[in-house]
Amino acid sequence: MTERGNKTGQQTGRSNAVIAVACIAFVGAMVGAAYAAVPLYQIFCQVTGYGGTTQRAAAAPAVPIDREITVRFDANVASGLPWKMTPNERTVKLKVGAVRTTSYKAHSNGDQVTYGTATFNVTPFEAGVYFSKIDCFCFTEQHLKPGETADMGITFFIDPAIAEDKNLDYLKTITLSYTMFPDDPPEDGASAERADAGTPDDDNKRL
């Protein structure tokens, strides 16, 4: 009776150990899948323009086409970041395929160096796949010292391929929206020192 009980206890212990290992493996797999899902989702949005996600381009089209679209600019700042952000131009009209540079003005009301990263989209969402940026402040983390004001630039164009999308023949206006969120300071000392002291390029942009 005692021997049978010992065997049963050993079997139960092994079963519990197998279940525990399986549970740990399952949780690990789910965590890994969650982390992998973020870049995959970002790639999906960039390729398809889903949710108004804009594109990133290395160069502009060779020749603009004879169609004009008005671009409106919008700015928001999330809670926790003591910045004010406004577009320097509320609207611009440009030919499809033509490159245009504009900027946003950001001012810090904080009492220390603060860091921000911008998210963005365009409306209507279907236009996102045709709205391409060559350069943008949203590509990197931004920082402002207390009381500092800075112009943050964006260079963009609207892909002439939009003319082939019959579902967007009606389109006259695109709205580009940014929301600036608080971000952590750089981890490396060199980056933190640059953020505190500024760089020659920053001096040309910051007021």
N, C-alpha and C. Protein backbone atom coordinates (compact mmCIF):
# COMPACT_ATOMS: atom_id res chain seq x y z
N MET A 1 0.83 -1.20 0.00
CA MET A 1 0.00 0.00 0.00
C MET A 1 0.87 1.25 0.00
N THR A 2 1.90 1.20 0.83
CA THR A 2 2.80 2.35 0.91
C THR A 2 3.58 2.53 -0.38
N GLU A 3 4.02 1.38 -1.00
CA GLU A 3 4.77 1.45 -2.25
C GLU A 3 3.91 2.02 -3.38
N ARG A 4 2.66 1.58 -3.42
CA ARG A 4 1.75 2.10 -4.45
C ARG A 4 1.52 3.59 -4.24
N GLY A 5 1.40 4.00 -2.98
CA GLY A 5 1.20 5.42 -2.70
C GLY A 5 2.39 6.25 -3.13
N ASN A 6 3.61 5.69 -2.91
CA ASN A 6 4.81 6.41 -3.33
C ASN A 6 4.86 6.58 -4.83
N LYS A 7 4.52 5.51 -5.57
CA LYS A 7 4.51 5.58 -7.02
C LYS A 7 3.51 6.60 -7.53
N THR A 8 2.32 6.59 -6.90
CA THR A 8 1.29 7.56 -7.29
C THR A 8 1.75 8.98 -7.04
N GLY A 9 2.42 9.18 -5.88
CA GLY A 9 2.92 10.51 -5.57
C GLY A 9 3.99 10.97 -6.54
N GLN A 10 4.87 10.03 -6.94
CA GLN A 10 5.91 10.39 -7.91
C GLN A 10 5.33 10.74 -9.26
N GLN A 11 4.31 9.97 -9.68
CA GLN A 11 3.67 10.25 -10.97
C GLN A 11 2.97 11.61 -10.94
N THR A 12 2.31 11.88 -9.82
CA THR A 12 1.62 13.18 -9.67
C THR A 12 2.62 14.33 -9.71
N GLY A 13 3.78 14.11 -9.04
CA GLY A 13 4.81 15.15 -9.04
C GLY A 13 5.35 15.41 -10.43
N ARG A 14 5.60 14.31 -11.19
CA ARG A 14 6.08 14.48 -12.56
C ARG A 14 5.05 15.20 -13.43
N SER A 15 3.78 14.84 -13.25
CA SER A 15 2.71 15.48 -14.02
C SER A 15 2.64 16.97 -13.72
N ASN A 16 2.75 17.31 -12.45
CA ASN A 16 2.71 18.73 -12.08
C ASN A 16 3.89 19.49 -12.66
N ALA A 17 5.06 18.83 -12.66
CA ALA A 17 6.25 19.48 -13.22
C ALA A 17 6.09 19.72 -14.71
N VAL A 18 5.54 18.71 -15.43
CA VAL A 18 5.31 18.87 -16.86
C VAL A 18 4.33 20.00 -17.14
N ILE A 19 3.27 20.06 -16.33
CA ILE A 19 2.28 21.12 -16.50
C ILE A 19 2.91 22.48 -16.24
N ALA A 20 3.74 22.57 -15.19
CA ALA A 20 4.39 23.85 -14.87
C ALA A 20 5.30 24.30 -15.99
N VAL A 21 6.10 23.37 -16.52
CA VAL A 21 7.00 23.72 -17.63
C VAL A 21 6.21 24.15 -18.85
N ALA A 22 5.11 23.44 -19.13
CA ALA A 22 4.28 23.79 -20.28
C ALA A 22 3.68 25.18 -20.12
N CYS A 23 3.25 25.50 -18.90
CA CYS A 23 2.67 26.82 -18.65
C CYS A 23 3.70 27.92 -18.84
N ILE A 24 4.93 27.68 -18.32
CA ILE A 24 5.99 28.67 -18.48
C ILE A 24 6.33 28.88 -19.95
N ALA A 25 6.40 27.78 -20.68
CA ALA A 25 6.70 27.87 -22.12
C ALA A 25 5.60 28.63 -22.86
N PHE A 26 4.36 28.37 -22.47
CA PHE A 26 3.23 29.05 -23.11
C PHE A 26 3.27 30.55 -22.85
N VAL A 27 3.52 30.92 -21.58
CA VAL A 27 3.60 32.35 -21.24
C VAL A 27 4.74 33.00 -21.99
N GLY A 28 5.91 32.32 -22.04
CA GLY A 28 7.05 32.87 -22.78
C GLY A 28 6.74 33.07 -24.24
N ALA A 29 6.05 32.10 -24.82
CA ALA A 29 5.69 32.21 -26.24
C ALA A 29 4.74 33.37 -26.47
N MET A 30 3.79 33.57 -25.55
CA MET A 30 2.84 34.67 -25.71
C MET A 30 3.53 36.03 -25.59
N VAL A 31 4.48 36.12 -24.63
CA VAL A 31 5.22 37.38 -24.48
C VAL A 31 6.04 37.66 -25.73
N GLY A 32 6.71 36.62 -26.25
CA GLY A 32 7.50 36.79 -27.47
C GLY A 32 6.63 37.18 -28.64
N ALA A 33 5.46 36.58 -28.74
CA ALA A 33 4.54 36.92 -29.83
C ALA A 33 4.07 38.36 -29.71
N ALA A 34 3.84 38.81 -28.48
CA ALA A 34 3.38 40.19 -28.28
C ALA A 34 4.43 41.18 -28.74
N TYR A 35 5.71 40.92 -28.38
CA TYR A 35 6.79 41.82 -28.80
C TYR A 35 6.96 41.77 -30.31
N ALA A 36 6.84 40.59 -30.91
CA ALA A 36 7.00 40.47 -32.35
C ALA A 36 5.86 41.13 -33.10
N ALA A 37 4.68 41.17 -32.47
CA ALA A 37 3.50 41.72 -33.14
C ALA A 37 3.63 43.21 -33.39
N VAL A 38 4.37 43.91 -32.50
CA VAL A 38 4.48 45.37 -32.64
C VAL A 38 5.19 45.76 -33.93
N PRO A 39 6.44 45.27 -34.18
CA PRO A 39 7.08 45.64 -35.45
C PRO A 39 6.34 45.11 -36.66
N LEU A 40 5.73 43.92 -36.55
CA LEU A 40 4.98 43.38 -37.68
C LEU A 40 3.79 44.27 -38.00
N TYR A 41 3.12 44.76 -36.96
CA TYR A 41 1.98 45.66 -37.17
C TYR A 41 2.44 46.97 -37.80
N GLN A 42 3.59 47.48 -37.34
CA GLN A 42 4.12 48.72 -37.91
C GLN A 42 4.45 48.54 -39.39
N ILE A 43 5.07 47.40 -39.72
CA ILE A 43 5.39 47.13 -41.13
C ILE A 43 4.12 47.04 -41.95
N PHE A 44 3.11 46.36 -41.42
CA PHE A 44 1.84 46.23 -42.12
C PHE A 44 1.23 47.60 -42.39
N CYS A 45 1.24 48.48 -41.38
CA CYS A 45 0.67 49.81 -41.54
C CYS A 45 1.43 50.63 -42.58
N GLN A 46 2.77 50.52 -42.57
CA GLN A 46 3.57 51.30 -43.51
C GLN A 46 3.37 50.83 -44.94
N VAL A 47 3.22 49.52 -45.12
CA VAL A 47 3.05 48.99 -46.46
C VAL A 47 1.67 49.30 -47.02
N THR A 48 0.66 49.20 -46.17
CA THR A 48 -0.72 49.34 -46.64
C THR A 48 -1.30 50.73 -46.43
N GLY A 49 -0.65 51.55 -45.58
CA GLY A 49 -1.22 52.84 -45.24
C GLY A 49 -2.38 52.72 -44.28
N TYR A 50 -2.52 51.56 -43.63
CA TYR A 50 -3.64 51.30 -42.72
C TYR A 50 -3.66 52.34 -41.61
N GLY A 51 -4.86 52.84 -41.31
CA GLY A 51 -5.02 53.82 -40.25
C GLY A 51 -4.42 55.16 -40.57
N GLY A 52 -4.17 55.41 -41.85
CA GLY A 52 -3.60 56.70 -42.23
C GLY A 52 -2.10 56.79 -42.03
N THR A 53 -1.43 55.63 -41.86
CA THR A 53 0.02 55.64 -41.69
C THR A 53 0.69 56.11 -42.97
N THR A 54 1.58 57.09 -42.83
CA THR A 54 2.27 57.64 -44.00
C THR A 54 3.47 56.78 -44.36
N GLN A 55 4.07 57.09 -45.51
CA GLN A 55 5.21 56.34 -46.02
C GLN A 55 6.50 57.14 -45.83
N ARG A 56 7.64 56.44 -45.95
CA ARG A 56 8.95 57.09 -45.88
C ARG A 56 9.66 56.86 -47.20
N ALA A 57 10.18 57.93 -47.78
CA ALA A 57 10.79 57.84 -49.10
C ALA A 57 12.21 58.40 -49.07
N ALA A 58 13.07 57.86 -49.93
CA ALA A 58 14.45 58.33 -50.03
C ALA A 58 14.57 59.53 -50.96
N ALA A 59 13.68 59.60 -51.96
CA ALA A 59 13.74 60.68 -52.93
C ALA A 59 12.34 60.95 -53.48
N ALA A 60 12.21 62.11 -54.12
CA ALA A 60 10.93 62.52 -54.68
C ALA A 60 10.73 61.95 -56.08
N PRO A 61 9.50 61.93 -56.58
CA PRO A 61 9.25 61.52 -57.97
C PRO A 61 9.96 62.47 -58.94
N ALA A 62 10.22 61.98 -60.13
CA ALA A 62 10.96 62.77 -61.11
C ALA A 62 10.17 64.00 -61.56
N VAL A 63 8.88 63.81 -61.83
CA VAL A 63 8.08 64.91 -62.37
C VAL A 63 6.72 64.97 -61.67
N PRO A 64 6.33 66.15 -61.16
CA PRO A 64 4.98 66.29 -60.59
C PRO A 64 3.93 66.16 -61.70
N ILE A 65 2.69 65.90 -61.28
CA ILE A 65 1.60 65.84 -62.25
C ILE A 65 0.68 67.04 -62.06
N ASP A 66 -0.16 67.26 -63.02
CA ASP A 66 -1.02 68.45 -63.02
C ASP A 66 -2.29 68.21 -62.21
N ARG A 67 -2.10 68.01 -60.91
CA ARG A 67 -3.22 67.88 -59.97
C ARG A 67 -2.78 68.47 -58.65
N GLU A 68 -3.62 69.29 -58.07
CA GLU A 68 -3.28 69.94 -56.81
C GLU A 68 -4.11 69.38 -55.66
N ILE A 69 -3.46 69.27 -54.50
CA ILE A 69 -4.13 68.83 -53.27
C ILE A 69 -3.70 69.76 -52.15
N THR A 70 -4.64 70.12 -51.31
CA THR A 70 -4.35 70.96 -50.14
C THR A 70 -4.04 70.06 -48.95
N VAL A 71 -2.97 70.37 -48.23
CA VAL A 71 -2.61 69.63 -47.02
C VAL A 71 -2.82 70.54 -45.82
N ARG A 72 -3.61 70.05 -44.88
CA ARG A 72 -3.82 70.75 -43.62
C ARG A 72 -2.94 70.13 -42.55
N PHE A 73 -2.49 70.95 -41.59
CA PHE A 73 -1.59 70.46 -40.55
C PHE A 73 -2.24 70.64 -39.18
N ASP A 74 -2.11 69.58 -38.37
CA ASP A 74 -2.72 69.56 -37.04
C ASP A 74 -1.67 69.10 -36.03
N ALA A 75 -1.76 69.58 -34.80
CA ALA A 75 -0.78 69.21 -33.78
C ALA A 75 -1.45 69.04 -32.43
N ASN A 76 -1.00 68.03 -31.69
CA ASN A 76 -1.50 67.76 -30.35
C ASN A 76 -0.33 67.33 -29.47
N VAL A 77 -0.46 67.58 -28.17
CA VAL A 77 0.55 67.17 -27.20
C VAL A 77 -0.13 66.33 -26.13
N ALA A 78 0.39 65.14 -25.89
CA ALA A 78 -0.19 64.25 -24.88
C ALA A 78 0.11 64.77 -23.48
N SER A 79 -0.75 64.39 -22.53
CA SER A 79 -0.54 64.78 -21.14
C SER A 79 0.78 64.21 -20.63
N GLY A 80 1.43 64.95 -19.77
CA GLY A 80 2.72 64.51 -19.23
C GLY A 80 3.91 65.15 -19.91
N LEU A 81 3.68 65.83 -21.03
CA LEU A 81 4.75 66.53 -21.73
C LEU A 81 4.42 68.03 -21.73
N PRO A 82 5.23 68.87 -21.05
CA PRO A 82 4.90 70.30 -20.90
C PRO A 82 5.28 71.13 -22.12
N TRP A 83 4.82 70.70 -23.29
CA TRP A 83 5.12 71.40 -24.52
C TRP A 83 3.85 71.99 -25.13
N LYS A 84 4.06 73.03 -25.92
CA LYS A 84 3.02 73.54 -26.81
C LYS A 84 3.54 73.37 -28.23
N MET A 85 2.70 72.87 -29.12
CA MET A 85 3.14 72.57 -30.48
C MET A 85 2.09 73.06 -31.47
N THR A 86 2.53 73.83 -32.46
CA THR A 86 1.62 74.36 -33.47
C THR A 86 2.28 74.33 -34.85
N PRO A 87 1.51 74.15 -35.91
CA PRO A 87 2.10 74.22 -37.26
C PRO A 87 2.42 75.66 -37.62
N ASN A 88 3.54 75.87 -38.30
CA ASN A 88 3.88 77.22 -38.76
C ASN A 88 3.04 77.62 -39.97
N GLU A 89 2.51 76.62 -40.67
CA GLU A 89 1.56 76.86 -41.76
C GLU A 89 0.34 75.97 -41.51
N ARG A 90 -0.83 76.56 -41.54
CA ARG A 90 -2.03 75.76 -41.30
C ARG A 90 -2.39 74.91 -42.51
N THR A 91 -2.17 75.45 -43.70
CA THR A 91 -2.46 74.71 -44.93
C THR A 91 -1.44 75.07 -46.00
N VAL A 92 -1.19 74.13 -46.91
CA VAL A 92 -0.40 74.41 -48.10
C VAL A 92 -1.08 73.69 -49.27
N LYS A 93 -0.96 74.28 -50.44
CA LYS A 93 -1.47 73.63 -51.66
C LYS A 93 -0.27 73.31 -52.54
N LEU A 94 -0.20 72.09 -53.02
CA LEU A 94 0.93 71.69 -53.84
C LEU A 94 0.48 70.71 -54.92
N LYS A 95 1.30 70.65 -55.98
CA LYS A 95 1.03 69.68 -57.03
C LYS A 95 1.42 68.29 -56.56
N VAL A 96 0.68 67.30 -56.97
CA VAL A 96 0.99 65.92 -56.63
C VAL A 96 2.34 65.56 -57.24
N GLY A 97 3.24 65.06 -56.40
CA GLY A 97 4.59 64.72 -56.84
C GLY A 97 5.61 65.81 -56.55
N ALA A 98 5.17 67.01 -56.21
CA ALA A 98 6.08 68.11 -55.88
C ALA A 98 6.52 67.99 -54.42
N VAL A 99 7.77 68.32 -54.15
CA VAL A 99 8.31 68.26 -52.80
C VAL A 99 8.04 69.57 -52.07
N ARG A 100 7.63 69.47 -50.81
CA ARG A 100 7.34 70.66 -50.02
C ARG A 100 7.95 70.49 -48.62
N THR A 101 8.52 71.56 -48.12
CA THR A 101 9.07 71.58 -46.76
C THR A 101 8.30 72.59 -45.92
N THR A 102 7.91 72.17 -44.74
CA THR A 102 7.25 73.07 -43.79
C THR A 102 7.73 72.68 -42.39
N SER A 103 7.15 73.27 -41.36
CA SER A 103 7.65 72.98 -40.02
C SER A 103 6.57 73.23 -38.97
N TYR A 104 6.83 72.66 -37.80
CA TYR A 104 6.02 72.89 -36.60
C TYR A 104 6.87 73.62 -35.58
N LYS A 105 6.22 74.43 -34.77
CA LYS A 105 6.93 75.13 -33.70
C LYS A 105 6.57 74.48 -32.37
N ALA A 106 7.60 74.14 -31.60
CA ALA A 106 7.39 73.53 -30.29
C ALA A 106 8.04 74.40 -29.21
N HIS A 107 7.35 74.55 -28.09
CA HIS A 107 7.88 75.35 -26.97
C HIS A 107 7.71 74.55 -25.68
N SER A 108 8.75 74.55 -24.85
CA SER A 108 8.69 73.83 -23.58
C SER A 108 8.39 74.78 -22.43
N ASN A 109 7.39 74.41 -21.65
CA ASN A 109 7.08 75.13 -20.42
C ASN A 109 7.62 74.40 -19.20
N GLY A 110 8.46 73.39 -19.43
CA GLY A 110 9.00 72.60 -18.33
C GLY A 110 10.16 73.30 -17.63
N ASP A 111 10.56 72.73 -16.48
CA ASP A 111 11.67 73.30 -15.71
C ASP A 111 12.94 72.45 -15.82
N GLN A 112 12.95 71.51 -16.77
CA GLN A 112 14.13 70.69 -17.03
C GLN A 112 14.08 70.22 -18.48
N VAL A 113 15.17 69.62 -18.94
CA VAL A 113 15.18 69.10 -20.30
C VAL A 113 14.12 68.00 -20.41
N THR A 114 13.26 68.10 -21.43
CA THR A 114 12.22 67.10 -21.64
C THR A 114 12.34 66.53 -23.05
N TYR A 115 11.85 65.31 -23.20
CA TYR A 115 12.01 64.56 -24.44
C TYR A 115 10.64 64.13 -24.96
N GLY A 116 10.52 64.15 -26.28
CA GLY A 116 9.25 63.77 -26.88
C GLY A 116 9.43 63.03 -28.19
N THR A 117 8.49 62.17 -28.50
CA THR A 117 8.46 61.44 -29.76
C THR A 117 7.06 61.59 -30.37
N ALA A 118 7.00 61.84 -31.68
CA ALA A 118 5.73 62.11 -32.33
C ALA A 118 5.17 60.88 -33.03
N THR A 119 3.87 60.68 -32.87
CA THR A 119 3.13 59.74 -33.72
C THR A 119 2.37 60.56 -34.75
N PHE A 120 1.93 59.91 -35.83
CA PHE A 120 1.34 60.69 -36.92
C PHE A 120 0.40 59.82 -37.74
N ASN A 121 -0.51 60.48 -38.42
CA ASN A 121 -1.32 59.82 -39.44
C ASN A 121 -1.94 60.88 -40.33
N VAL A 122 -2.57 60.45 -41.41
CA VAL A 122 -3.28 61.37 -42.28
C VAL A 122 -4.72 60.91 -42.42
N THR A 123 -5.58 61.85 -42.69
CA THR A 123 -6.97 61.56 -43.03
C THR A 123 -7.30 62.27 -44.34
N PRO A 124 -8.09 61.61 -45.18
CA PRO A 124 -8.67 60.27 -44.98
C PRO A 124 -7.60 59.20 -44.93
N PHE A 125 -7.87 58.12 -44.19
CA PHE A 125 -6.89 57.07 -43.99
C PHE A 125 -6.38 56.48 -45.31
N GLU A 126 -7.26 56.43 -46.31
CA GLU A 126 -6.89 55.81 -47.59
C GLU A 126 -5.74 56.55 -48.27
N ALA A 127 -5.52 57.81 -47.88
CA ALA A 127 -4.45 58.61 -48.50
C ALA A 127 -3.08 58.32 -47.90
N GLY A 128 -3.04 57.59 -46.79
CA GLY A 128 -1.78 57.36 -46.09
C GLY A 128 -0.73 56.69 -46.95
N VAL A 129 -1.14 55.76 -47.79
CA VAL A 129 -0.18 55.02 -48.60
C VAL A 129 0.45 55.90 -49.68
N TYR A 130 -0.14 57.07 -49.96
CA TYR A 130 0.38 57.98 -50.99
C TYR A 130 1.09 59.20 -50.40
N PHE A 131 1.06 59.35 -49.08
CA PHE A 131 1.69 60.50 -48.44
C PHE A 131 3.08 60.07 -47.96
N SER A 132 4.12 60.61 -48.61
CA SER A 132 5.49 60.16 -48.36
C SER A 132 6.35 61.27 -47.76
N LYS A 133 7.14 60.91 -46.77
CA LYS A 133 8.05 61.85 -46.12
C LYS A 133 9.50 61.51 -46.46
N ILE A 134 10.23 62.53 -46.86
CA ILE A 134 11.66 62.37 -47.11
C ILE A 134 12.44 62.63 -45.82
N ASP A 135 12.00 63.60 -45.06
CA ASP A 135 12.63 63.92 -43.78
C ASP A 135 11.54 64.40 -42.83
N CYS A 136 11.71 64.10 -41.54
CA CYS A 136 10.68 64.50 -40.58
C CYS A 136 11.23 64.43 -39.16
N PHE A 137 10.83 65.39 -38.35
CA PHE A 137 11.21 65.37 -36.94
C PHE A 137 10.66 64.13 -36.23
N CYS A 138 9.62 63.55 -36.82
CA CYS A 138 9.00 62.37 -36.21
C CYS A 138 9.85 61.12 -36.37
N PHE A 139 10.92 61.19 -37.17
CA PHE A 139 11.78 60.02 -37.35
C PHE A 139 12.68 59.78 -36.13
N THR A 140 12.88 60.82 -35.32
CA THR A 140 13.79 60.71 -34.17
C THR A 140 13.17 61.36 -32.94
N GLU A 141 13.74 61.05 -31.79
CA GLU A 141 13.33 61.68 -30.54
C GLU A 141 13.75 63.15 -30.54
N GLN A 142 12.88 64.01 -30.01
CA GLN A 142 13.17 65.44 -29.90
C GLN A 142 13.35 65.81 -28.44
N HIS A 143 14.09 66.90 -28.19
CA HIS A 143 14.25 67.37 -26.82
C HIS A 143 14.21 68.89 -26.80
N LEU A 144 13.76 69.43 -25.69
CA LEU A 144 13.73 70.88 -25.47
C LEU A 144 14.23 71.18 -24.06
N LYS A 145 15.02 72.23 -23.95
CA LYS A 145 15.44 72.72 -22.64
C LYS A 145 14.35 73.62 -22.07
N PRO A 146 14.40 73.93 -20.77
CA PRO A 146 13.36 74.77 -20.17
C PRO A 146 13.20 76.11 -20.90
N GLY A 147 11.98 76.43 -21.29
CA GLY A 147 11.69 77.68 -21.97
C GLY A 147 12.14 77.75 -23.41
N GLU A 148 12.65 76.66 -23.96
CA GLU A 148 13.18 76.66 -25.32
C GLU A 148 12.07 76.52 -26.36
N THR A 149 12.28 77.17 -27.50
CA THR A 149 11.38 77.06 -28.65
C THR A 149 12.19 76.55 -29.83
N ALA A 150 11.61 75.62 -30.59
CA ALA A 150 12.31 75.04 -31.73
C ALA A 150 11.37 74.85 -32.90
N ASP A 151 11.92 75.03 -34.10
CA ASP A 151 11.20 74.69 -35.33
C ASP A 151 11.58 73.27 -35.72
N MET A 152 10.59 72.43 -35.96
CA MET A 152 10.81 71.03 -36.29
C MET A 152 10.27 70.78 -37.69
N GLY A 153 11.16 70.42 -38.62
CA GLY A 153 10.81 70.39 -40.03
C GLY A 153 10.28 69.06 -40.53
N ILE A 154 9.61 69.15 -41.68
CA ILE A 154 9.11 67.98 -42.40
C ILE A 154 9.20 68.26 -43.89
N THR A 155 9.73 67.33 -44.65
CA THR A 155 9.79 67.42 -46.10
C THR A 155 9.01 66.25 -46.68
N PHE A 156 8.05 66.53 -47.54
CA PHE A 156 7.13 65.49 -47.97
C PHE A 156 6.67 65.71 -49.41
N PHE A 157 6.00 64.71 -49.95
CA PHE A 157 5.31 64.83 -51.24
C PHE A 157 4.16 63.84 -51.27
N ILE A 158 3.26 64.04 -52.20
CA ILE A 158 2.15 63.12 -52.41
C ILE A 158 2.47 62.31 -53.66
N ASP A 159 2.48 61.01 -53.53
CA ASP A 159 2.88 60.11 -54.62
C ASP A 159 1.93 60.25 -55.81
N PRO A 160 2.47 60.47 -57.02
CA PRO A 160 1.61 60.57 -58.22
C PRO A 160 0.77 59.32 -58.46
N ALA A 161 1.13 58.20 -57.83
CA ALA A 161 0.34 56.98 -57.99
C ALA A 161 -1.09 57.16 -57.49
N ILE A 162 -1.32 58.22 -56.71
CA ILE A 162 -2.67 58.47 -56.22
C ILE A 162 -3.64 58.73 -57.38
N ALA A 163 -3.10 59.21 -58.50
CA ALA A 163 -3.95 59.49 -59.67
C ALA A 163 -4.53 58.22 -60.26
N GLU A 164 -3.90 57.08 -59.97
CA GLU A 164 -4.38 55.80 -60.50
C GLU A 164 -5.42 55.16 -59.59
N ASP A 165 -5.61 55.73 -58.41
CA ASP A 165 -6.59 55.20 -57.46
C ASP A 165 -7.92 55.92 -57.69
N LYS A 166 -8.80 55.28 -58.42
CA LYS A 166 -10.07 55.90 -58.78
C LYS A 166 -10.94 56.18 -57.55
N ASN A 167 -10.69 55.46 -56.45
CA ASN A 167 -11.46 55.68 -55.23
C ASN A 167 -11.11 57.01 -54.57
N LEU A 168 -9.99 57.63 -55.00
CA LEU A 168 -9.58 58.90 -54.43
C LEU A 168 -9.63 60.04 -55.45
N ASP A 169 -10.36 59.84 -56.50
CA ASP A 169 -10.52 60.91 -57.49
C ASP A 169 -11.17 62.15 -56.87
N TYR A 170 -11.98 61.94 -55.85
CA TYR A 170 -12.70 63.03 -55.20
C TYR A 170 -11.79 63.88 -54.31
N LEU A 171 -10.63 63.36 -53.96
CA LEU A 171 -9.82 63.93 -52.88
C LEU A 171 -9.25 65.30 -53.25
N LYS A 172 -9.56 66.27 -52.43
CA LYS A 172 -9.04 67.63 -52.60
C LYS A 172 -8.15 68.06 -51.43
N THR A 173 -8.37 67.43 -50.25
CA THR A 173 -7.67 67.86 -49.03
C THR A 173 -7.23 66.65 -48.22
N ILE A 174 -6.00 66.73 -47.71
CA ILE A 174 -5.45 65.73 -46.79
C ILE A 174 -5.06 66.45 -45.50
N THR A 175 -5.38 65.85 -44.36
CA THR A 175 -4.98 66.42 -43.07
C THR A 175 -3.88 65.56 -42.45
N LEU A 176 -2.76 66.18 -42.15
CA LEU A 176 -1.63 65.51 -41.50
C LEU A 176 -1.64 65.89 -40.02
N SER A 177 -1.75 64.89 -39.16
CA SER A 177 -1.84 65.12 -37.71
C SER A 177 -0.66 64.51 -36.98
N TYR A 178 -0.14 65.27 -36.02
CA TYR A 178 0.92 64.77 -35.14
C TYR A 178 0.45 64.86 -33.69
N THR A 179 0.85 63.87 -32.91
CA THR A 179 0.69 63.92 -31.46
C THR A 179 2.04 63.64 -30.84
N MET A 180 2.51 64.57 -30.01
CA MET A 180 3.81 64.42 -29.37
C MET A 180 3.61 63.81 -27.99
N PHE A 181 4.32 62.71 -27.73
CA PHE A 181 4.22 62.00 -26.46
C PHE A 181 5.53 62.14 -25.68
N PRO A 182 5.44 62.14 -24.34
CA PRO A 182 6.68 62.18 -23.54
C PRO A 182 7.50 60.93 -23.76
N ASP A 183 8.82 61.09 -23.72
CA ASP A 183 9.73 59.96 -23.93
C ASP A 183 10.82 60.00 -22.88
N ASP A 184 11.53 58.88 -22.73
CA ASP A 184 12.61 58.80 -21.75
C ASP A 184 13.87 59.48 -22.29
N PRO A 185 14.72 59.97 -21.40
CA PRO A 185 16.00 60.55 -21.84
C PRO A 185 16.87 59.47 -22.46
N PRO A 186 17.86 59.88 -23.28
CA PRO A 186 18.80 58.89 -23.83
C PRO A 186 19.51 58.15 -22.72
N GLU A 187 19.80 56.89 -22.95
CA GLU A 187 20.45 56.07 -21.93
C GLU A 187 21.95 56.33 -21.86
N ASP A 188 22.58 56.62 -23.01
CA ASP A 188 24.03 56.82 -23.00
C ASP A 188 24.38 58.24 -22.61
N GLY A 189 25.48 58.40 -21.92
CA GLY A 189 25.88 59.71 -21.42
C GLY A 189 26.15 60.70 -22.52
N ALA A 190 26.70 60.24 -23.66
CA ALA A 190 27.03 61.15 -24.76
C ALA A 190 25.78 61.79 -25.31
N SER A 191 24.73 60.97 -25.50
CA SER A 191 23.49 61.52 -26.03
C SER A 191 22.89 62.51 -25.06
N ALA A 192 22.96 62.18 -23.75
CA ALA A 192 22.40 63.07 -22.76
C ALA A 192 23.15 64.40 -22.74
N GLU A 193 24.50 64.33 -22.90
CA GLU A 193 25.29 65.55 -22.93
C GLU A 193 24.93 66.41 -24.14
N ARG A 194 24.74 65.78 -25.32
CA ARG A 194 24.35 66.53 -26.51
C ARG A 194 22.99 67.18 -26.31
N ALA A 195 22.08 66.45 -25.68
CA ALA A 195 20.74 66.98 -25.48
C ALA A 195 20.78 68.19 -24.57
N ASP A 196 21.69 68.18 -23.57
CA ASP A 196 21.76 69.29 -22.63
C ASP A 196 22.46 70.49 -23.24
N ALA A 197 23.51 70.23 -24.03
CA ALA A 197 24.31 71.32 -24.57
C ALA A 197 23.83 71.80 -25.92
N GLY A 198 23.15 70.93 -26.67
CA GLY A 198 22.75 71.28 -28.03
C GLY A 198 23.89 71.01 -29.00
N THR A 199 23.58 71.04 -30.28
CA THR A 199 24.59 70.83 -31.32
C THR A 199 24.55 72.01 -32.26
N PRO A 200 25.56 72.17 -33.14
CA PRO A 200 25.54 73.28 -34.09
C PRO A 200 24.28 73.27 -34.94
N ASP A 201 23.82 72.09 -35.36
CA ASP A 201 22.59 72.05 -36.15
C ASP A 201 21.39 72.51 -35.35
N ASP A 202 21.38 72.10 -34.04
CA ASP A 202 20.27 72.52 -33.20
C ASP A 202 20.23 74.03 -33.09
N ASP A 203 21.42 74.67 -32.98
CA ASP A 203 21.44 76.11 -32.82
C ASP A 203 20.82 76.84 -33.99
N ASN A 204 20.85 76.22 -35.17
CA ASN A 204 20.25 76.84 -36.35
C ASN A 204 18.73 76.72 -36.33
N LYS A 205 18.22 75.78 -35.55
CA LYS A 205 16.79 75.52 -35.55
C LYS A 205 16.10 76.06 -34.30
N ARG A 206 16.85 76.17 -33.20
CA ARG A 206 16.25 76.47 -31.91
C ARG A 206 16.35 77.95 -31.59
N LEU A 207 15.29 78.47 -31.03
CA LEU A 207 15.21 79.91 -30.77
C LEU A 207 15.30 80.20 -29.27
